[in-house]
Amino acid sequence: MPELIAPTVRLHTAWREAHAEWDPGAHEDGFGLRPSDDTASPAGFAAWVARLAAESEPHDGATACAYRWIVEDDRVLGGIALRFGPDDVVRRIGHIGYGIRPSARRRGLATWALGRMLAEARSAGLDRLLVVCAADNLPSARTVERHDGVLEEVRNTEFGPARRYAIVL
């Protein structure tokens, strides 16, 4: 049975295995990974996990972000992030981002994890969320629609055309 957990250094090897499944340079939404992050070394990985934990607390008007890993039997299957804040980051990329490692797709994990994060958003007092996905990512679009996401528009972005959905909690 999968679970959502906060990022942890305990799963360094498992996370590296998941990361290796994505093509080099491919975006892995939900993990908060930046090109400058060193996730190969134990020290770099620990620094990255510490940054993710620090970003979960709002400070100085910046967007806070609750990161969760989708884990089953100590295997990292994906990541999902819930962003809080009124700034342009949320308006640009949405409240929620997620990614499932290629070998774990088509199991309903994204739908399951999104449902869990919607409950977390509701508990945090959010009542309306923006969820954005690539216009050609039909599996992600279906995931959002399964949670009553309503397509508001398709907009050109710096990453290409994107679907913008509203989910009312």
N, C-alpha and C. Protein backbone atom coordinates (compact mmCIF):
# COMPACT_ATOMS: atom_id res chain seq x y z
N MET A 1 0.84 -1.18 0.00
CA MET A 1 0.00 0.00 0.00
C MET A 1 0.89 1.24 0.00
N PRO A 2 0.68 2.15 -0.94
CA PRO A 2 1.52 3.35 -0.97
C PRO A 2 1.20 4.29 0.18
N GLU A 3 2.15 5.17 0.46
CA GLU A 3 1.95 6.20 1.47
C GLU A 3 2.65 7.47 1.00
N LEU A 4 2.19 8.60 1.52
CA LEU A 4 2.86 9.88 1.28
C LEU A 4 3.70 10.19 2.49
N ILE A 5 4.98 10.48 2.25
CA ILE A 5 5.86 10.81 3.36
C ILE A 5 6.65 12.08 3.02
N ALA A 6 7.12 12.76 4.04
CA ALA A 6 8.02 13.89 3.83
C ALA A 6 9.34 13.35 3.29
N PRO A 7 10.02 14.11 2.45
CA PRO A 7 11.33 13.68 1.95
C PRO A 7 12.26 13.33 3.11
N THR A 8 13.05 12.29 2.92
CA THR A 8 13.94 11.82 3.98
C THR A 8 15.25 11.32 3.39
N VAL A 9 16.35 11.57 4.10
CA VAL A 9 17.65 11.09 3.65
C VAL A 9 17.73 9.57 3.72
N ARG A 10 16.88 8.96 4.51
CA ARG A 10 16.86 7.50 4.64
C ARG A 10 16.64 6.81 3.29
N LEU A 11 15.94 7.49 2.37
CA LEU A 11 15.61 6.89 1.09
C LEU A 11 16.49 7.41 -0.06
N HIS A 12 17.73 7.78 0.27
CA HIS A 12 18.63 8.32 -0.75
C HIS A 12 18.79 7.35 -1.92
N THR A 13 19.12 6.12 -1.64
CA THR A 13 19.32 5.14 -2.71
C THR A 13 18.04 4.90 -3.49
N ALA A 14 16.92 4.78 -2.80
CA ALA A 14 15.63 4.57 -3.48
C ALA A 14 15.26 5.76 -4.35
N TRP A 15 15.53 6.96 -3.86
CA TRP A 15 15.23 8.15 -4.66
C TRP A 15 16.12 8.20 -5.90
N ARG A 16 17.40 7.86 -5.74
CA ARG A 16 18.32 7.86 -6.88
C ARG A 16 17.86 6.85 -7.94
N GLU A 17 17.33 5.71 -7.51
CA GLU A 17 16.81 4.72 -8.46
C GLU A 17 15.62 5.28 -9.23
N ALA A 18 14.72 5.97 -8.54
CA ALA A 18 13.57 6.59 -9.21
C ALA A 18 14.05 7.66 -10.18
N HIS A 19 14.96 8.49 -9.72
CA HIS A 19 15.49 9.59 -10.53
C HIS A 19 16.14 9.07 -11.82
N ALA A 20 16.81 7.93 -11.74
CA ALA A 20 17.49 7.36 -12.90
C ALA A 20 16.51 6.95 -14.00
N GLU A 21 15.25 6.72 -13.65
CA GLU A 21 14.26 6.32 -14.66
C GLU A 21 13.84 7.47 -15.57
N TRP A 22 13.96 8.70 -15.08
CA TRP A 22 13.63 9.84 -15.93
C TRP A 22 14.79 10.07 -16.89
N ASP A 23 14.51 10.51 -18.09
CA ASP A 23 15.58 10.84 -19.03
C ASP A 23 16.41 11.98 -18.46
N PRO A 24 17.70 11.99 -18.75
CA PRO A 24 18.53 13.10 -18.26
C PRO A 24 17.95 14.44 -18.72
N GLY A 25 17.83 15.35 -17.78
CA GLY A 25 17.31 16.67 -18.09
C GLY A 25 15.79 16.75 -18.09
N ALA A 26 15.11 15.61 -18.00
CA ALA A 26 13.64 15.64 -17.98
C ALA A 26 13.16 16.23 -16.66
N HIS A 27 12.08 16.98 -16.74
CA HIS A 27 11.52 17.61 -15.55
C HIS A 27 10.79 16.57 -14.71
N GLU A 28 11.04 16.57 -13.43
CA GLU A 28 10.39 15.65 -12.49
C GLU A 28 9.54 16.47 -11.54
N ASP A 29 8.33 16.79 -11.94
CA ASP A 29 7.49 17.65 -11.12
C ASP A 29 7.14 16.96 -9.81
N GLY A 30 7.00 17.78 -8.77
CA GLY A 30 6.63 17.27 -7.46
C GLY A 30 7.80 17.07 -6.52
N PHE A 31 9.02 17.16 -7.02
CA PHE A 31 10.19 16.92 -6.18
C PHE A 31 10.92 18.18 -5.76
N GLY A 32 10.61 19.32 -6.36
CA GLY A 32 11.30 20.55 -6.00
C GLY A 32 12.77 20.55 -6.38
N LEU A 33 13.11 19.76 -7.37
CA LEU A 33 14.50 19.60 -7.78
C LEU A 33 14.92 20.75 -8.68
N ARG A 34 16.06 21.34 -8.36
CA ARG A 34 16.64 22.42 -9.16
C ARG A 34 17.90 21.89 -9.84
N PRO A 35 18.25 22.48 -10.99
CA PRO A 35 19.47 22.02 -11.68
C PRO A 35 20.71 22.10 -10.80
N SER A 36 20.74 23.01 -9.86
CA SER A 36 21.92 23.18 -9.01
C SER A 36 21.97 22.19 -7.84
N ASP A 37 20.90 21.43 -7.61
CA ASP A 37 20.88 20.48 -6.50
C ASP A 37 21.81 19.30 -6.79
N ASP A 38 22.61 18.95 -5.80
CA ASP A 38 23.50 17.78 -5.88
C ASP A 38 22.81 16.65 -5.12
N THR A 39 22.17 15.75 -5.85
CA THR A 39 21.48 14.65 -5.17
C THR A 39 22.30 13.36 -5.21
N ALA A 40 23.46 13.39 -5.86
CA ALA A 40 24.28 12.18 -5.97
C ALA A 40 25.05 11.89 -4.68
N SER A 41 25.62 12.91 -4.09
CA SER A 41 26.41 12.69 -2.88
C SER A 41 25.51 12.68 -1.65
N PRO A 42 25.85 11.94 -0.62
CA PRO A 42 25.05 11.94 0.60
C PRO A 42 24.90 13.35 1.20
N ALA A 43 25.98 14.13 1.18
CA ALA A 43 25.91 15.48 1.75
C ALA A 43 25.01 16.38 0.91
N GLY A 44 25.14 16.30 -0.42
CA GLY A 44 24.29 17.09 -1.30
C GLY A 44 22.83 16.70 -1.17
N PHE A 45 22.58 15.40 -1.08
CA PHE A 45 21.21 14.91 -0.92
C PHE A 45 20.62 15.41 0.40
N ALA A 46 21.40 15.36 1.46
CA ALA A 46 20.93 15.84 2.77
C ALA A 46 20.63 17.34 2.70
N ALA A 47 21.46 18.10 2.00
CA ALA A 47 21.22 19.55 1.86
C ALA A 47 19.94 19.80 1.08
N TRP A 48 19.69 19.02 0.04
CA TRP A 48 18.47 19.16 -0.76
C TRP A 48 17.24 18.84 0.09
N VAL A 49 17.27 17.74 0.82
CA VAL A 49 16.15 17.37 1.70
C VAL A 49 15.92 18.45 2.76
N ALA A 50 16.99 19.00 3.29
CA ALA A 50 16.86 20.09 4.28
C ALA A 50 16.22 21.32 3.65
N ARG A 51 16.58 21.64 2.41
CA ARG A 51 15.97 22.78 1.72
C ARG A 51 14.47 22.55 1.54
N LEU A 52 14.10 21.34 1.14
CA LEU A 52 12.68 21.04 0.95
C LEU A 52 11.92 21.21 2.27
N ALA A 53 12.50 20.76 3.36
CA ALA A 53 11.86 20.91 4.67
C ALA A 53 11.72 22.39 5.03
N ALA A 54 12.76 23.17 4.76
CA ALA A 54 12.71 24.60 5.08
C ALA A 54 11.66 25.32 4.24
N GLU A 55 11.48 24.89 3.00
CA GLU A 55 10.49 25.54 2.13
C GLU A 55 9.06 25.23 2.55
N SER A 56 8.87 24.28 3.43
CA SER A 56 7.51 23.94 3.86
C SER A 56 6.95 24.97 4.84
N GLU A 57 7.82 25.81 5.37
CA GLU A 57 7.40 26.85 6.31
C GLU A 57 7.38 28.20 5.61
N PRO A 58 6.22 28.90 5.62
CA PRO A 58 6.17 30.22 4.98
C PRO A 58 7.11 31.20 5.67
N HIS A 59 7.79 32.01 4.89
CA HIS A 59 8.67 33.03 5.45
C HIS A 59 8.83 34.18 4.45
N ASP A 60 8.85 35.37 4.96
CA ASP A 60 9.08 36.57 4.15
C ASP A 60 8.19 36.65 2.92
N GLY A 61 6.95 36.19 3.02
CA GLY A 61 6.01 36.29 1.91
C GLY A 61 6.28 35.35 0.75
N ALA A 62 7.27 34.45 0.89
CA ALA A 62 7.58 33.52 -0.19
C ALA A 62 6.56 32.38 -0.21
N THR A 63 6.51 31.69 -1.33
CA THR A 63 5.63 30.54 -1.44
C THR A 63 6.19 29.40 -0.59
N ALA A 64 5.35 28.86 0.27
CA ALA A 64 5.72 27.66 1.02
C ALA A 64 5.28 26.46 0.18
N CYS A 65 5.90 25.33 0.40
CA CYS A 65 5.58 24.15 -0.39
C CYS A 65 5.72 22.90 0.47
N ALA A 66 4.66 22.13 0.54
CA ALA A 66 4.69 20.86 1.25
C ALA A 66 5.04 19.77 0.24
N TYR A 67 6.22 19.20 0.38
CA TYR A 67 6.67 18.13 -0.52
C TYR A 67 6.37 16.79 0.12
N ARG A 68 5.90 15.85 -0.70
CA ARG A 68 5.65 14.49 -0.25
C ARG A 68 6.18 13.54 -1.31
N TRP A 69 6.73 12.44 -0.84
CA TRP A 69 7.13 11.37 -1.75
C TRP A 69 6.09 10.27 -1.67
N ILE A 70 5.83 9.68 -2.81
CA ILE A 70 4.93 8.54 -2.90
C ILE A 70 5.82 7.31 -2.77
N VAL A 71 5.63 6.58 -1.68
CA VAL A 71 6.54 5.49 -1.33
C VAL A 71 5.74 4.21 -1.07
N GLU A 72 6.31 3.10 -1.52
CA GLU A 72 5.72 1.80 -1.23
C GLU A 72 6.87 0.82 -1.00
N ASP A 73 6.87 0.16 0.14
CA ASP A 73 7.92 -0.80 0.49
C ASP A 73 9.32 -0.18 0.33
N ASP A 74 9.48 1.04 0.84
CA ASP A 74 10.75 1.78 0.76
C ASP A 74 11.23 2.01 -0.67
N ARG A 75 10.31 2.04 -1.59
CA ARG A 75 10.61 2.34 -3.00
C ARG A 75 9.93 3.66 -3.33
N VAL A 76 10.68 4.64 -3.83
CA VAL A 76 10.12 5.94 -4.20
C VAL A 76 9.46 5.80 -5.57
N LEU A 77 8.14 6.03 -5.59
CA LEU A 77 7.37 5.87 -6.82
C LEU A 77 7.09 7.20 -7.50
N GLY A 78 7.15 8.28 -6.75
CA GLY A 78 6.89 9.60 -7.32
C GLY A 78 6.93 10.66 -6.25
N GLY A 79 6.58 11.87 -6.66
CA GLY A 79 6.55 13.00 -5.74
C GLY A 79 5.37 13.89 -6.05
N ILE A 80 4.92 14.61 -5.04
CA ILE A 80 3.83 15.56 -5.20
C ILE A 80 4.10 16.73 -4.27
N ALA A 81 3.76 17.92 -4.74
CA ALA A 81 4.01 19.13 -3.97
C ALA A 81 2.75 19.99 -3.92
N LEU A 82 2.50 20.55 -2.76
CA LEU A 82 1.39 21.48 -2.57
C LEU A 82 1.99 22.83 -2.22
N ARG A 83 1.77 23.80 -3.10
CA ARG A 83 2.34 25.14 -2.92
C ARG A 83 1.30 26.06 -2.28
N PHE A 84 1.77 26.86 -1.33
CA PHE A 84 0.92 27.84 -0.65
C PHE A 84 1.48 29.22 -0.94
N GLY A 85 0.62 30.18 -1.03
CA GLY A 85 1.12 31.55 -1.14
C GLY A 85 0.44 32.32 -2.25
N PRO A 86 0.40 33.60 -2.09
CA PRO A 86 -0.30 34.44 -3.06
C PRO A 86 0.60 34.92 -4.20
N ASP A 87 1.83 34.47 -4.24
CA ASP A 87 2.76 35.07 -5.19
C ASP A 87 2.60 34.52 -6.61
N ASP A 88 3.40 35.06 -7.50
CA ASP A 88 3.28 34.73 -8.91
C ASP A 88 3.67 33.29 -9.22
N VAL A 89 4.42 32.62 -8.36
CA VAL A 89 4.79 31.22 -8.60
C VAL A 89 3.53 30.36 -8.66
N VAL A 90 2.66 30.51 -7.67
CA VAL A 90 1.43 29.71 -7.64
C VAL A 90 0.55 30.08 -8.84
N ARG A 91 0.45 31.35 -9.16
CA ARG A 91 -0.38 31.76 -10.29
C ARG A 91 0.19 31.25 -11.62
N ARG A 92 1.51 31.07 -11.66
CA ARG A 92 2.15 30.65 -12.90
C ARG A 92 2.15 29.12 -13.06
N ILE A 93 2.53 28.39 -12.00
CA ILE A 93 2.68 26.93 -12.15
C ILE A 93 1.67 26.11 -11.37
N GLY A 94 0.83 26.77 -10.59
CA GLY A 94 -0.24 26.05 -9.89
C GLY A 94 0.09 25.71 -8.45
N HIS A 95 -0.94 25.29 -7.75
CA HIS A 95 -0.81 24.89 -6.34
C HIS A 95 -0.20 23.50 -6.19
N ILE A 96 -0.45 22.64 -7.17
CA ILE A 96 -0.01 21.25 -7.04
C ILE A 96 0.76 20.83 -8.28
N GLY A 97 1.86 20.12 -8.04
CA GLY A 97 2.61 19.50 -9.11
C GLY A 97 2.97 18.09 -8.68
N TYR A 98 2.99 17.16 -9.62
CA TYR A 98 3.29 15.78 -9.27
C TYR A 98 3.96 15.07 -10.44
N GLY A 99 4.66 14.01 -10.12
CA GLY A 99 5.29 13.17 -11.12
C GLY A 99 5.40 11.75 -10.60
N ILE A 100 5.22 10.80 -11.48
CA ILE A 100 5.31 9.37 -11.14
C ILE A 100 6.43 8.77 -11.99
N ARG A 101 7.30 8.00 -11.36
CA ARG A 101 8.40 7.38 -12.11
C ARG A 101 7.82 6.48 -13.20
N PRO A 102 8.48 6.40 -14.34
CA PRO A 102 7.92 5.65 -15.47
C PRO A 102 7.46 4.23 -15.15
N SER A 103 8.21 3.48 -14.36
CA SER A 103 7.83 2.08 -14.09
C SER A 103 6.63 1.95 -13.16
N ALA A 104 6.21 3.04 -12.53
CA ALA A 104 5.08 2.99 -11.60
C ALA A 104 3.82 3.63 -12.17
N ARG A 105 3.87 4.05 -13.42
CA ARG A 105 2.70 4.70 -14.03
C ARG A 105 1.62 3.68 -14.36
N ARG A 106 0.42 4.22 -14.56
CA ARG A 106 -0.76 3.43 -14.94
C ARG A 106 -1.26 2.53 -13.80
N ARG A 107 -0.97 2.94 -12.57
CA ARG A 107 -1.45 2.21 -11.39
C ARG A 107 -2.43 3.05 -10.59
N GLY A 108 -2.70 4.28 -11.03
CA GLY A 108 -3.60 5.16 -10.30
C GLY A 108 -2.92 5.92 -9.16
N LEU A 109 -1.58 5.89 -9.12
CA LEU A 109 -0.87 6.55 -8.03
C LEU A 109 -1.04 8.05 -8.04
N ALA A 110 -1.02 8.67 -9.22
CA ALA A 110 -1.18 10.12 -9.29
C ALA A 110 -2.57 10.52 -8.80
N THR A 111 -3.58 9.78 -9.21
CA THR A 111 -4.95 10.07 -8.76
C THR A 111 -5.05 9.91 -7.25
N TRP A 112 -4.48 8.84 -6.71
CA TRP A 112 -4.50 8.61 -5.27
C TRP A 112 -3.78 9.73 -4.53
N ALA A 113 -2.56 10.07 -4.99
CA ALA A 113 -1.76 11.10 -4.31
C ALA A 113 -2.43 12.46 -4.40
N LEU A 114 -3.00 12.79 -5.55
CA LEU A 114 -3.69 14.07 -5.68
C LEU A 114 -4.85 14.15 -4.70
N GLY A 115 -5.61 13.08 -4.55
CA GLY A 115 -6.69 13.07 -3.57
C GLY A 115 -6.20 13.33 -2.15
N ARG A 116 -5.08 12.73 -1.80
CA ARG A 116 -4.49 12.96 -0.48
C ARG A 116 -4.06 14.41 -0.29
N MET A 117 -3.45 14.99 -1.32
CA MET A 117 -2.99 16.38 -1.21
C MET A 117 -4.16 17.36 -1.22
N LEU A 118 -5.24 17.02 -1.90
CA LEU A 118 -6.42 17.88 -1.84
C LEU A 118 -6.97 17.92 -0.41
N ALA A 119 -6.95 16.78 0.27
CA ALA A 119 -7.38 16.75 1.67
C ALA A 119 -6.45 17.61 2.53
N GLU A 120 -5.14 17.57 2.26
CA GLU A 120 -4.19 18.40 3.00
C GLU A 120 -4.45 19.89 2.72
N ALA A 121 -4.75 20.21 1.47
CA ALA A 121 -5.05 21.61 1.11
C ALA A 121 -6.30 22.09 1.82
N ARG A 122 -7.31 21.23 1.86
CA ARG A 122 -8.56 21.56 2.55
C ARG A 122 -8.28 21.81 4.04
N SER A 123 -7.49 20.95 4.64
CA SER A 123 -7.14 21.11 6.06
C SER A 123 -6.37 22.40 6.32
N ALA A 124 -5.62 22.85 5.32
CA ALA A 124 -4.84 24.08 5.45
C ALA A 124 -5.68 25.33 5.19
N GLY A 125 -6.96 25.12 4.87
CA GLY A 125 -7.85 26.26 4.67
C GLY A 125 -7.98 26.75 3.24
N LEU A 126 -7.38 26.04 2.29
CA LEU A 126 -7.53 26.43 0.89
C LEU A 126 -8.89 25.97 0.39
N ASP A 127 -9.51 26.79 -0.44
CA ASP A 127 -10.83 26.40 -0.94
C ASP A 127 -10.89 26.29 -2.46
N ARG A 128 -9.85 26.74 -3.14
CA ARG A 128 -9.80 26.66 -4.60
C ARG A 128 -8.34 26.53 -5.01
N LEU A 129 -8.08 25.55 -5.86
CA LEU A 129 -6.71 25.29 -6.28
C LEU A 129 -6.58 25.42 -7.79
N LEU A 130 -5.41 25.86 -8.20
CA LEU A 130 -5.04 25.87 -9.60
C LEU A 130 -4.09 24.69 -9.82
N VAL A 131 -4.40 23.85 -10.80
CA VAL A 131 -3.54 22.73 -11.15
C VAL A 131 -3.22 22.87 -12.63
N VAL A 132 -1.93 22.83 -12.95
CA VAL A 132 -1.46 23.06 -14.31
C VAL A 132 -0.75 21.81 -14.81
N CYS A 133 -1.01 21.45 -16.06
CA CYS A 133 -0.26 20.35 -16.68
C CYS A 133 -0.02 20.70 -18.15
N ALA A 134 0.96 20.06 -18.73
CA ALA A 134 1.24 20.26 -20.15
C ALA A 134 0.00 19.91 -20.96
N ALA A 135 -0.27 20.70 -21.99
CA ALA A 135 -1.48 20.50 -22.78
C ALA A 135 -1.54 19.10 -23.41
N ASP A 136 -0.38 18.54 -23.73
CA ASP A 136 -0.38 17.22 -24.37
C ASP A 136 -0.25 16.06 -23.38
N ASN A 137 -0.25 16.36 -22.08
CA ASN A 137 -0.15 15.31 -21.06
C ASN A 137 -1.55 14.85 -20.67
N LEU A 138 -2.14 14.03 -21.53
CA LEU A 138 -3.52 13.59 -21.30
C LEU A 138 -3.70 12.74 -20.05
N PRO A 139 -2.75 11.87 -19.68
CA PRO A 139 -2.92 11.15 -18.41
C PRO A 139 -3.01 12.10 -17.21
N SER A 140 -2.20 13.15 -17.19
CA SER A 140 -2.27 14.11 -16.09
C SER A 140 -3.60 14.88 -16.13
N ALA A 141 -4.04 15.25 -17.32
CA ALA A 141 -5.32 15.95 -17.44
C ALA A 141 -6.45 15.08 -16.89
N ARG A 142 -6.44 13.79 -17.23
CA ARG A 142 -7.48 12.88 -16.71
C ARG A 142 -7.40 12.76 -15.19
N THR A 143 -6.19 12.75 -14.65
CA THR A 143 -6.02 12.68 -13.20
C THR A 143 -6.70 13.88 -12.54
N VAL A 144 -6.46 15.07 -13.05
CA VAL A 144 -7.06 16.28 -12.49
C VAL A 144 -8.58 16.24 -12.66
N GLU A 145 -9.04 15.81 -13.80
CA GLU A 145 -10.48 15.75 -14.06
C GLU A 145 -11.18 14.73 -13.16
N ARG A 146 -10.50 13.67 -12.77
CA ARG A 146 -11.08 12.69 -11.84
C ARG A 146 -11.36 13.32 -10.48
N HIS A 147 -10.68 14.42 -10.19
CA HIS A 147 -10.90 15.14 -8.93
C HIS A 147 -11.69 16.42 -9.17
N ASP A 148 -12.56 16.36 -10.16
CA ASP A 148 -13.48 17.47 -10.49
C ASP A 148 -12.76 18.74 -10.94
N GLY A 149 -11.58 18.60 -11.50
CA GLY A 149 -10.89 19.74 -12.07
C GLY A 149 -11.65 20.24 -13.28
N VAL A 150 -11.82 21.56 -13.35
CA VAL A 150 -12.53 22.19 -14.45
C VAL A 150 -11.51 22.97 -15.28
N LEU A 151 -11.44 22.63 -16.55
CA LEU A 151 -10.50 23.31 -17.43
C LEU A 151 -10.92 24.77 -17.60
N GLU A 152 -10.02 25.68 -17.21
CA GLU A 152 -10.30 27.11 -17.36
C GLU A 152 -9.74 27.65 -18.66
N GLU A 153 -8.55 27.18 -19.03
CA GLU A 153 -7.94 27.65 -20.27
C GLU A 153 -6.72 26.82 -20.61
N VAL A 154 -6.31 26.94 -21.86
CA VAL A 154 -5.02 26.44 -22.30
C VAL A 154 -4.22 27.68 -22.64
N ARG A 155 -3.05 27.80 -22.02
CA ARG A 155 -2.24 29.01 -22.15
C ARG A 155 -0.82 28.64 -22.56
N ASN A 156 -0.23 29.46 -23.41
CA ASN A 156 1.18 29.28 -23.73
C ASN A 156 2.01 29.75 -22.55
N THR A 157 2.99 28.93 -22.17
CA THR A 157 3.86 29.25 -21.05
C THR A 157 5.32 29.10 -21.49
N GLU A 158 6.22 29.40 -20.60
CA GLU A 158 7.65 29.23 -20.90
C GLU A 158 8.01 27.77 -21.16
N PHE A 159 7.14 26.84 -20.72
CA PHE A 159 7.38 25.40 -20.92
C PHE A 159 6.57 24.84 -22.08
N GLY A 160 5.80 25.69 -22.77
CA GLY A 160 4.93 25.25 -23.85
C GLY A 160 3.48 25.38 -23.44
N PRO A 161 2.55 24.94 -24.29
CA PRO A 161 1.13 25.06 -23.97
C PRO A 161 0.77 24.26 -22.71
N ALA A 162 -0.05 24.86 -21.86
CA ALA A 162 -0.43 24.22 -20.59
C ALA A 162 -1.92 24.36 -20.34
N ARG A 163 -2.48 23.28 -19.82
CA ARG A 163 -3.88 23.28 -19.37
C ARG A 163 -3.90 23.82 -17.95
N ARG A 164 -4.87 24.69 -17.67
CA ARG A 164 -5.02 25.29 -16.33
C ARG A 164 -6.40 24.89 -15.81
N TYR A 165 -6.39 24.13 -14.72
CA TYR A 165 -7.61 23.62 -14.12
C TYR A 165 -7.88 24.28 -12.77
N ALA A 166 -9.14 24.45 -12.46
CA ALA A 166 -9.55 24.87 -11.12
C ALA A 166 -10.19 23.68 -10.43
N ILE A 167 -9.83 23.47 -9.17
CA ILE A 167 -10.49 22.47 -8.34
C ILE A 167 -11.02 23.21 -7.12
N VAL A 168 -12.33 23.16 -6.95
CA VAL A 168 -12.97 23.79 -5.81
C VAL A 168 -13.09 22.73 -4.71
N LEU A 169 -12.59 23.07 -3.53
CA LEU A 169 -12.61 22.10 -2.42
C LEU A 169 -13.86 22.30 -1.57
